Amino acid sequence: MRPRYEYGDEVRLTRNVRNDGTYPGKDVGELLMQRGATGVVYDVGTYLQDQLIYRVHFIEAGKTVGCREEELIPIAQKWIQNRFEFRDKVQVLCALKLDGEVIARRGDVGEIENVLREEDEDEIFYNLYINSCNIMIPERALDAAPAQEVKDETRH
C-alpha cells in the first residue's frame, strides 16, 4: 500500500468530511470541512491496516483533519464544484429510461446517493435513487426539488 500523497503535497477535498467520532470537541456527524477546501498533507498513516489516512492541515480553517485517499485530489487537478450532496432531493429535467423502460418522468423527485467524479470528465455524475430504481445521471439533467416536493417525499 503506497500513499498517493506525501508530506507537503497540496490537496483538495472532493467530499464533505464529517466527524466520525475521532475529532475532539465536535459532535459525531458534525461537518468538519466542506468539499472544495484545500490543504497540505502533514502526515500519512493507516487505519485497520488497510486504509491510508492523510492528516491534512487546512490552513484557512485552522484545522487538521484525517482524510481518506478517495476524498482527495491534487490541487492542480481540474475542479468542478458539484451542486448536490448525499441525500439531497432533486427533480429530473427529462424522462429517464432503464433497459428501455421509463422509470421516471420529467419533474419526478429522487434522492442523491453518491457523487461521482472522474479525473478526465468535465462534468459531475450522481447515483440517483428514484421511483425504486438506482441510476447514474449527469448533473445537467437534475435540478433542486421544489420545497413542497421535498416535504411530500419525506412523509412516505
C-alpha atoms as a PDB file:
ATOM      1  CA  MET A   1       0.000   0.000   0.000  1.00  0.00           C
ATOM      2  CA  ARG A   2       1.804   3.063  -1.278  1.00  0.00           C
ATOM      3  CA  PRO A   3       0.493   6.537  -0.498  1.00  0.00           C
ATOM      4  CA  ARG A   4      -0.543   8.686  -3.429  1.00  0.00           C
ATOM      5  CA  TYR A   5       0.297  11.866  -1.482  1.00  0.00           C
ATOM      6  CA  GLU A   6       3.364  12.763   0.556  1.00  0.00           C
ATOM      7  CA  TYR A   7       4.235  15.333   3.191  1.00  0.00           C
ATOM      8  CA  GLY A   8       3.858  18.846   1.751  1.00  0.00           C
ATOM      9  CA  ASP A   9       1.548  17.892  -1.148  1.00  0.00           C
ATOM     10  CA  GLU A  10      -1.296  20.342  -1.701  1.00  0.00           C
ATOM     11  CA  VAL A  11      -4.684  18.630  -1.985  1.00  0.00           C
ATOM     12  CA  ARG A  12      -8.399  19.403  -2.348  1.00  0.00           C
ATOM     13  CA  LEU A  13     -11.363  17.658  -0.708  1.00  0.00           C
ATOM     14  CA  THR A  14     -13.844  16.066  -3.100  1.00  0.00           C
ATOM     15  CA  ARG A  15     -16.413  15.278  -0.371  1.00  0.00           C
ATOM     16  CA  ASN A  16     -17.677  16.893   2.785  1.00  0.00           C
ATOM     17  CA  VAL A  17     -15.842  15.454   5.791  1.00  0.00           C
ATOM     18  CA  ARG A  18     -17.831  14.882   8.979  1.00  0.00           C
ATOM     19  CA  ASN A  19     -16.669  13.864  12.426  1.00  0.00           C
ATOM     20  CA  ASP A  20     -16.640  10.082  12.757  1.00  0.00           C
ATOM     21  CA  GLY A  21     -16.041  10.409  16.497  1.00  0.00           C
ATOM     22  CA  THR A  22     -12.279  10.872  16.297  1.00  0.00           C
ATOM     23  CA  TYR A  23     -12.204  14.683  16.122  1.00  0.00           C
ATOM     24  CA  PRO A  24     -12.121  16.153  19.647  1.00  0.00           C
ATOM     25  CA  GLY A  25     -14.649  18.771  20.717  1.00  0.00           C
ATOM     26  CA  LYS A  26     -17.103  18.131  17.866  1.00  0.00           C
ATOM     27  CA  ASP A  27     -20.252  16.008  17.771  1.00  0.00           C
ATOM     28  CA  VAL A  28     -20.338  12.835  15.706  1.00  0.00           C
ATOM     29  CA  GLY A  29     -21.659  13.721  12.252  1.00  0.00           C
ATOM     30  CA  GLU A  30     -20.756  17.404  12.561  1.00  0.00           C
ATOM     31  CA  LEU A  31     -19.300  18.936   9.387  1.00  0.00           C
ATOM     32  CA  LEU A  32     -15.546  19.420   9.743  1.00  0.00           C
ATOM     33  CA  MET A  33     -14.551  20.529   6.234  1.00  0.00           C
ATOM     34  CA  GLN A  34     -16.570  21.233   3.121  1.00  0.00           C
ATOM     35  CA  ARG A  35     -15.845  19.785  -0.319  1.00  0.00           C
ATOM     36  CA  GLY A  36     -13.545  22.019  -2.337  1.00  0.00           C
ATOM     37  CA  ALA A  37     -11.432  23.032   0.680  1.00  0.00           C
ATOM     38  CA  THR A  38      -7.691  22.968   0.074  1.00  0.00           C
ATOM     39  CA  GLY A  39      -4.934  21.935   2.442  1.00  0.00           C
ATOM     40  CA  VAL A  40      -1.468  20.468   2.808  1.00  0.00           C
ATOM     41  CA  VAL A  41      -0.637  16.852   3.682  1.00  0.00           C
ATOM     42  CA  TYR A  42       1.050  16.810   7.076  1.00  0.00           C
ATOM     43  CA  ASP A  43       1.334  13.075   7.718  1.00  0.00           C
ATOM     44  CA  VAL A  44       0.262   9.677   6.327  1.00  0.00           C
ATOM     45  CA  GLY A  45      -0.875   6.757   8.465  1.00  0.00           C
ATOM     46  CA  THR A  46      -3.051   3.671   8.288  1.00  0.00           C
ATOM     47  CA  TYR A  47      -6.360   2.652   9.805  1.00  0.00           C
ATOM     48  CA  LEU A  48      -7.121  -1.040  10.384  1.00  0.00           C
ATOM     49  CA  GLN A  49      -4.029  -1.841   8.294  1.00  0.00           C
ATOM     50  CA  ASP A  50      -5.941  -1.478   5.022  1.00  0.00           C
ATOM     51  CA  GLN A  51      -6.807   2.218   4.688  1.00  0.00           C
ATOM     52  CA  LEU A  52      -4.439   5.119   4.215  1.00  0.00           C
ATOM     53  CA  ILE A  53      -5.368   8.179   6.264  1.00  0.00           C
ATOM     54  CA  TYR A  54      -3.828  11.531   5.427  1.00  0.00           C
ATOM     55  CA  ARG A  55      -3.557  14.171   8.096  1.00  0.00           C
ATOM     56  CA  VAL A  56      -4.324  17.316   6.113  1.00  0.00           C
ATOM     57  CA  HIS A  57      -3.845  20.818   7.511  1.00  0.00           C
ATOM     58  CA  PHE A  58      -6.481  23.209   6.186  1.00  0.00           C
ATOM     59  CA  ILE A  59      -4.692  26.493   6.741  1.00  0.00           C
ATOM     60  CA  GLU A  60      -7.632  28.854   6.098  1.00  0.00           C
ATOM     61  CA  ALA A  61      -9.851  26.942   8.545  1.00  0.00           C
ATOM     62  CA  GLY A  62      -7.063  26.382  11.053  1.00  0.00           C
ATOM     63  CA  LYS A  63      -7.898  22.661  11.279  1.00  0.00           C
ATOM     64  CA  THR A  64      -6.044  19.417  10.772  1.00  0.00           C
ATOM     65  CA  VAL A  65      -8.369  16.615   9.666  1.00  0.00           C
ATOM     66  CA  GLY A  66      -7.854  12.965   8.791  1.00  0.00           C
ATOM     67  CA  CYS A  67      -8.904  12.227   5.196  1.00  0.00           C
ATOM     68  CA  ARG A  68      -9.127   9.023   3.184  1.00  0.00           C
ATOM     69  CA  GLU A  69      -7.295   8.872  -0.140  1.00  0.00           C
ATOM     70  CA  GLU A  70     -10.549   8.712  -2.146  1.00  0.00           C
ATOM     71  CA  GLU A  71     -11.625  12.028  -0.584  1.00  0.00           C
ATOM     72  CA  LEU A  72      -8.615  13.893  -2.007  1.00  0.00           C
ATOM     73  CA  ILE A  73      -7.327  15.080  -5.365  1.00  0.00           C
ATOM     74  CA  PRO A  74      -4.150  17.014  -6.190  1.00  0.00           C
ATOM     75  CA  ILE A  75      -4.724  20.758  -6.031  1.00  0.00           C
ATOM     76  CA  ALA A  76      -3.529  21.063  -9.648  1.00  0.00           C
ATOM     77  CA  GLN A  77      -6.278  18.722 -10.887  1.00  0.00           C
ATOM     78  CA  LYS A  78      -9.249  20.357 -12.551  1.00  0.00           C
ATOM     79  CA  TRP A  79     -12.005  21.071 -10.030  1.00  0.00           C
ATOM     80  CA  ILE A  80     -15.722  21.200 -10.781  1.00  0.00           C
ATOM     81  CA  GLN A  81     -17.964  22.166  -7.882  1.00  0.00           C
ATOM     82  CA  ASN A  82     -20.927  19.807  -7.568  1.00  0.00           C
ATOM     83  CA  ARG A  83     -24.384  21.268  -6.879  1.00  0.00           C
ATOM     84  CA  PHE A  84     -25.827  18.358  -4.913  1.00  0.00           C
ATOM     85  CA  GLU A  85     -24.779  16.185  -1.977  1.00  0.00           C
ATOM     86  CA  PHE A  86     -25.696  12.817  -0.493  1.00  0.00           C
ATOM     87  CA  ARG A  87     -29.415  12.704   0.442  1.00  0.00           C
ATOM     88  CA  ASP A  88     -30.299  15.917  -1.434  1.00  0.00           C
ATOM     89  CA  LYS A  89     -33.727  15.761  -3.043  1.00  0.00           C
ATOM     90  CA  VAL A  90     -33.620  16.549  -6.767  1.00  0.00           C
ATOM     91  CA  GLN A  91     -36.010  16.506  -9.693  1.00  0.00           C
ATOM     92  CA  VAL A  92     -35.188  15.174 -13.123  1.00  0.00           C
ATOM     93  CA  LEU A  93     -35.347  17.531 -16.090  1.00  0.00           C
ATOM     94  CA  CYS A  94     -36.176  14.778 -18.592  1.00  0.00           C
ATOM     95  CA  ALA A  95     -37.701  11.312 -18.724  1.00  0.00           C
ATOM     96  CA  LEU A  96     -35.346   8.513 -17.649  1.00  0.00           C
ATOM     97  CA  LYS A  97     -35.213   5.028 -19.149  1.00  0.00           C
ATOM     98  CA  LEU A  98     -33.507   1.930 -17.834  1.00  0.00           C
ATOM     99  CA  ASP A  99     -33.295  -1.073 -20.167  1.00  0.00           C
ATOM    100  CA  GLY A 100     -35.827   0.614 -22.468  1.00  0.00           C
ATOM    101  CA  GLU A 101     -38.413   1.110 -19.706  1.00  0.00           C
ATOM    102  CA  VAL A 102     -39.394   4.578 -18.444  1.00  0.00           C
ATOM    103  CA  ILE A 103     -38.501   4.712 -14.756  1.00  0.00           C
ATOM    104  CA  ALA A 104     -39.048   8.453 -14.201  1.00  0.00           C
ATOM    105  CA  ARG A 105     -40.826  11.298 -15.899  1.00  0.00           C
ATOM    106  CA  ARG A 106     -39.741  14.920 -16.083  1.00  0.00           C
ATOM    107  CA  GLY A 107     -40.293  16.511 -12.663  1.00  0.00           C
ATOM    108  CA  ASP A 108     -40.163  13.253 -10.668  1.00  0.00           C
ATOM    109  CA  VAL A 109     -38.235  13.617  -7.410  1.00  0.00           C
ATOM    110  CA  GLY A 110     -35.399  11.363  -6.288  1.00  0.00           C
ATOM    111  CA  GLU A 111     -32.536  11.340  -3.820  1.00  0.00           C
ATOM    112  CA  ILE A 112     -28.786  11.601  -4.393  1.00  0.00           C
ATOM    113  CA  GLU A 113     -26.970   8.508  -3.151  1.00  0.00           C
ATOM    114  CA  ASN A 114     -23.446   9.303  -4.295  1.00  0.00           C
ATOM    115  CA  VAL A 115     -21.429  11.989  -6.082  1.00  0.00           C
ATOM    116  CA  LEU A 116     -19.246  10.583  -8.872  1.00  0.00           C
ATOM    117  CA  ARG A 117     -16.322  12.491 -10.256  1.00  0.00           C
ATOM    118  CA  GLU A 118     -13.805  11.210 -12.776  1.00  0.00           C
ATOM    119  CA  GLU A 119     -10.443  12.857 -13.320  1.00  0.00           C
ATOM    120  CA  ASP A 120     -10.847  13.162 -17.090  1.00  0.00           C
ATOM    121  CA  GLU A 121     -14.543  14.174 -17.122  1.00  0.00           C
ATOM    122  CA  ASP A 122     -15.761  17.759 -17.468  1.00  0.00           C
ATOM    123  CA  GLU A 123     -18.982  17.027 -15.640  1.00  0.00           C
ATOM    124  CA  ILE A 124     -20.290  15.626 -12.365  1.00  0.00           C
ATOM    125  CA  PHE A 125     -22.428  12.483 -12.259  1.00  0.00           C
ATOM    126  CA  TYR A 126     -24.597  11.149  -9.462  1.00  0.00           C
ATOM    127  CA  ASN A 127     -26.048   7.851  -8.354  1.00  0.00           C
ATOM    128  CA  LEU A 128     -29.733   8.714  -8.073  1.00  0.00           C
ATOM    129  CA  TYR A 129     -32.446   6.718  -6.317  1.00  0.00           C
ATOM    130  CA  ILE A 130     -35.766   7.471  -7.976  1.00  0.00           C
ATOM    131  CA  ASN A 131     -39.046   5.538  -8.142  1.00  0.00           C
ATOM    132  CA  SER A 132     -37.441   2.455  -6.510  1.00  0.00           C
ATOM    133  CA  CYS A 133     -34.587   2.419  -9.065  1.00  0.00           C
ATOM    134  CA  ASN A 134     -30.915   3.369  -8.966  1.00  0.00           C
ATOM    135  CA  ILE A 135     -29.435   5.136 -11.972  1.00  0.00           C
ATOM    136  CA  MET A 136     -26.307   7.124 -12.804  1.00  0.00           C
ATOM    137  CA  ILE A 137     -27.180  10.562 -14.163  1.00  0.00           C
ATOM    138  CA  PRO A 138     -25.266  13.719 -15.162  1.00  0.00           C
ATOM    139  CA  GLU A 139     -25.740  16.867 -13.104  1.00  0.00           C
ATOM    140  CA  ARG A 140     -27.105  18.760 -16.130  1.00  0.00           C
ATOM    141  CA  ALA A 141     -30.198  16.500 -16.052  1.00  0.00           C
ATOM    142  CA  LEU A 142     -31.094  17.491 -12.474  1.00  0.00           C
ATOM    143  CA  ASP A 143     -32.458  20.456 -10.579  1.00  0.00           C
ATOM    144  CA  ALA A 144     -33.175  21.026  -6.904  1.00  0.00           C
ATOM    145  CA  ALA A 145     -36.543  19.637  -5.885  1.00  0.00           C
ATOM    146  CA  PRO A 146     -39.154  22.287  -5.095  1.00  0.00           C
ATOM    147  CA  ALA A 147     -39.652  22.753  -1.335  1.00  0.00           C
ATOM    148  CA  GLN A 148     -43.183  21.309  -1.480  1.00  0.00           C
ATOM    149  CA  GLU A 149     -41.917  18.152  -3.234  1.00  0.00           C
ATOM    150  CA  VAL A 150     -39.291  17.632  -0.531  1.00  0.00           C
ATOM    151  CA  LYS A 151     -41.978  17.765   2.174  1.00  0.00           C
ATOM    152  CA  ASP A 152     -44.172  15.284   0.293  1.00  0.00           C
ATOM    153  CA  GLU A 153     -41.254  12.863  -0.252  1.00  0.00           C
ATOM    154  CA  THR A 154     -40.257  12.814   3.421  1.00  0.00           C
ATOM    155  CA  ARG A 155     -43.759  11.720   4.535  1.00  0.00           C
ATOM    156  CA  HIS A 156     -43.549   8.329   2.786  1.00  0.00           C
END
